[in-house]
Protein backbone atom coordinates (compact mmCIF):
# COMPACT_ATOMS: atom_id res chain seq x y z
CA UNK A 1 -17.28 -10.30 -15.38
CA UNK A 2 -17.35 -13.41 -17.20
CA UNK A 3 -15.12 -16.38 -16.48
CA UNK A 4 -13.86 -18.90 -19.36
CA UNK A 5 -14.79 -22.25 -19.00
CA UNK A 6 -13.16 -24.53 -16.30
CA UNK A 7 -12.16 -21.31 -14.49
CA UNK A 8 -12.61 -20.76 -10.74
CA UNK A 9 -11.79 -17.75 -8.97
CA UNK A 10 -9.11 -18.60 -6.26
CA UNK A 11 -8.13 -14.88 -4.64
CA UNK A 12 -10.89 -12.41 -4.77
CA UNK A 13 -10.37 -8.65 -3.86
CA UNK A 14 -11.91 -5.39 -4.76
CA UNK A 15 -9.50 -4.54 -7.59
CA UNK A 16 -7.76 -7.88 -8.52
CA UNK A 17 -9.18 -11.53 -9.06
CA UNK A 18 -6.89 -14.32 -9.63
CA UNK A 19 -8.40 -17.54 -11.05
CA UNK A 20 -6.79 -20.78 -11.88
CA UNK A 21 -5.67 -19.41 -15.20
CA UNK A 22 -5.18 -15.71 -15.03
CA UNK A 23 -4.95 -12.48 -13.09
CA UNK A 24 -7.61 -9.84 -13.88
CA UNK A 25 -7.42 -6.35 -12.73
CA UNK A 26 -10.35 -3.99 -12.44
CA UNK A 27 -12.62 -2.30 -10.06
CA UNK A 28 -15.32 -3.18 -8.00
CA UNK A 29 -18.35 -0.75 -8.46
CA UNK A 30 -20.88 0.46 -5.79
CA UNK A 31 -23.57 -2.35 -6.78
CA UNK A 32 -20.68 -4.84 -6.15
CA UNK A 33 -20.02 -5.75 -9.59
CA UNK A 34 -16.57 -6.09 -10.93
CA UNK A 35 -15.44 -4.18 -14.17
CA UNK A 36 -12.51 -5.82 -15.80
CA UNK A 37 -9.78 -3.62 -16.91
CA UNK A 38 -6.84 -5.85 -17.86
CA UNK A 39 -6.08 -9.63 -17.67
CA UNK A 40 -3.00 -11.88 -18.16
CA UNK A 41 -2.92 -15.38 -18.46
CA UNK A 42 -0.09 -17.13 -15.91
CA UNK A 43 1.85 -18.13 -19.04
CA UNK A 44 2.17 -14.59 -20.13
CA UNK A 45 3.55 -13.35 -16.85
CA UNK A 46 7.38 -13.09 -16.89
CA UNK A 47 7.78 -12.15 -13.46
CA UNK A 48 6.34 -9.94 -10.71
CA UNK A 49 7.43 -7.37 -8.20
CA UNK A 50 5.82 -6.33 -4.82
CA UNK A 51 6.63 -3.20 -3.10
CA UNK A 52 4.53 -3.24 0.28
CA UNK A 53 5.42 -0.24 2.21
CA UNK A 54 5.21 3.03 -0.17
CA UNK A 55 4.13 6.34 0.76
CA UNK A 56 3.92 8.12 4.04
CA UNK A 57 1.13 8.22 7.14
CA UNK A 58 -0.39 11.36 7.67
CA UNK A 59 1.02 13.38 10.50
CA UNK A 60 -1.56 16.50 10.34
CA UNK A 61 -2.68 15.91 14.04
CA UNK A 62 0.78 15.59 15.24
CA UNK A 63 1.80 18.84 12.90
CA UNK A 64 -1.36 20.56 14.71
CA UNK A 65 -0.21 19.79 18.20
CA UNK A 66 3.07 21.03 17.92
CA UNK A 67 1.66 24.30 16.25
CA UNK A 68 -0.64 24.66 19.16
CA UNK A 69 2.26 24.09 21.61
CA UNK A 70 4.58 26.61 20.09
CA UNK A 71 1.88 29.32 20.10
CA UNK A 72 0.87 28.59 23.78
CA UNK A 73 4.58 28.74 24.57
CA UNK A 74 4.88 32.29 22.60
CA UNK A 75 1.57 33.59 24.37
CA UNK A 76 3.04 32.80 27.88
CA UNK A 77 6.03 34.55 26.94
CA UNK A 78 4.37 37.83 26.06
CA UNK A 79 2.15 37.71 29.19
CA UNK A 80 4.90 36.89 31.85
CA UNK A 81 5.99 40.37 32.94
CA UNK A 82 9.06 38.96 34.66
CA UNK A 83 10.62 38.14 31.26
CA UNK A 84 10.34 41.66 29.90
CA UNK A 85 13.47 42.64 31.90
CA UNK A 86 15.31 39.73 31.06
CA UNK A 87 16.20 39.79 27.24
CA UNK A 88 18.26 36.46 27.49
CA UNK A 89 15.76 34.67 29.13
CA UNK A 90 13.10 36.02 26.77
CA UNK A 91 15.26 34.83 23.62
CA UNK A 92 15.48 31.35 25.13
CA UNK A 93 11.92 30.84 25.72
CA UNK A 94 11.24 32.41 22.27
CA UNK A 95 13.35 29.68 20.57
CA UNK A 96 11.52 27.09 22.75
CA UNK A 97 8.26 28.21 21.36
CA UNK A 98 9.24 29.02 17.91
CA UNK A 99 10.95 25.46 17.20
CA UNK A 100 7.67 23.40 17.36
CA UNK A 101 5.66 26.19 15.67
CA UNK A 102 7.95 26.01 12.79
CA UNK A 103 8.13 22.04 12.99
CA UNK A 104 4.12 21.70 12.90
CA UNK A 105 3.84 24.39 10.24
CA UNK A 106 6.35 21.97 8.21
CA UNK A 107 4.37 18.82 9.06
CA UNK A 108 0.96 19.91 8.24
CA UNK A 109 1.45 20.75 4.46
CA UNK A 110 4.02 17.95 4.09
CA UNK A 111 1.27 15.51 5.13
CA UNK A 112 -1.50 16.97 2.94
CA UNK A 113 0.76 16.57 -0.30
CA UNK A 114 2.25 13.41 0.74
CA UNK A 115 2.26 10.32 -1.30
CA UNK A 116 -0.43 8.22 0.39
CA UNK A 117 0.42 4.98 1.87
CA UNK A 118 -0.06 1.76 -0.44
CA UNK A 119 1.07 -1.43 -1.45
CA UNK A 120 1.77 -2.17 -5.16
CA UNK A 121 2.39 -5.54 -7.31
CA UNK A 122 4.00 -5.06 -10.85
CA UNK A 123 3.39 -7.80 -13.24
CA UNK A 124 5.82 -7.74 -16.02
CA UNK A 125 4.25 -9.25 -19.15
CA UNK A 126 6.53 -11.27 -21.82
CA UNK A 127 5.65 -8.54 -24.46
CA UNK A 128 7.50 -5.99 -22.17
CA UNK A 129 4.27 -4.56 -20.65
CA UNK A 130 3.49 -4.26 -17.09
CA UNK A 131 0.14 -4.41 -15.19
CA UNK A 132 0.04 -2.39 -11.91
CA UNK A 133 -2.18 -3.48 -9.02
CA UNK A 134 -1.77 -0.98 -6.25
CA UNK A 135 -3.73 -1.41 -2.78
CA UNK A 136 -4.52 1.46 -0.44
CA UNK A 137 -2.75 0.28 2.92
CA UNK A 138 0.82 -0.55 3.99
CA UNK A 139 1.10 -4.38 4.11
CA UNK A 140 -2.33 -4.73 2.52
CA UNK A 141 -3.77 -8.46 3.39
CA UNK A 142 -5.24 -8.59 -0.31
CA UNK A 143 -1.60 -7.80 -1.86
CA UNK A 144 -0.11 -10.62 0.29
CA UNK A 145 -2.73 -12.89 -0.77
CA UNK A 146 -2.15 -12.31 -4.31
CA UNK A 147 1.61 -12.41 -4.11
CA UNK A 148 1.40 -15.97 -2.43
CA UNK A 149 -1.14 -17.29 -5.29
CA UNK A 150 1.50 -15.80 -8.00
CA UNK A 151 4.09 -17.68 -6.16
CA UNK A 152 2.19 -20.95 -5.94
CA UNK A 153 1.24 -20.44 -9.69
CA UNK A 154 4.78 -20.71 -10.59
CA UNK A 155 5.42 -16.90 -11.53
CA UNK A 156 8.80 -16.02 -10.66
CA UNK A 157 9.72 -13.25 -8.36
CA UNK A 158 11.42 -10.43 -10.21
CA UNK A 159 15.24 -9.69 -8.88
CA UNK A 160 15.04 -6.13 -9.90
């Protein structure tokens, strides 16, 4: 990435750089070189919007625990001979076993196909276009650095 004359990097993250003149988005490759995709001067940025807690955390482990607990209860019901003579007790223990099994079977695919956790900064430009910078964590420290630098640079926060 080439900087302009009198341009210094103030905030340096893997997917976004902020200099004293502009915001540059891109990607850091395996050999630690930054490939620029888009850039915008601070004067061209109309406003910005930050969404810090998007997506959901994975609950696969929790779902598997519920499935296991439900299966254990259901197996125990079939192994206890005392319950064979008591239909009401057998029905109650069946419900106690099937509820966690169903809940776990719900959590596992929901976690697989979830919107992964991320933080996003939208930079709204004067020409109506938008530059999107997305980070892979809730309350990502890099996103917070960029947000504070945009505020210090005089870019106004969007009120959408």
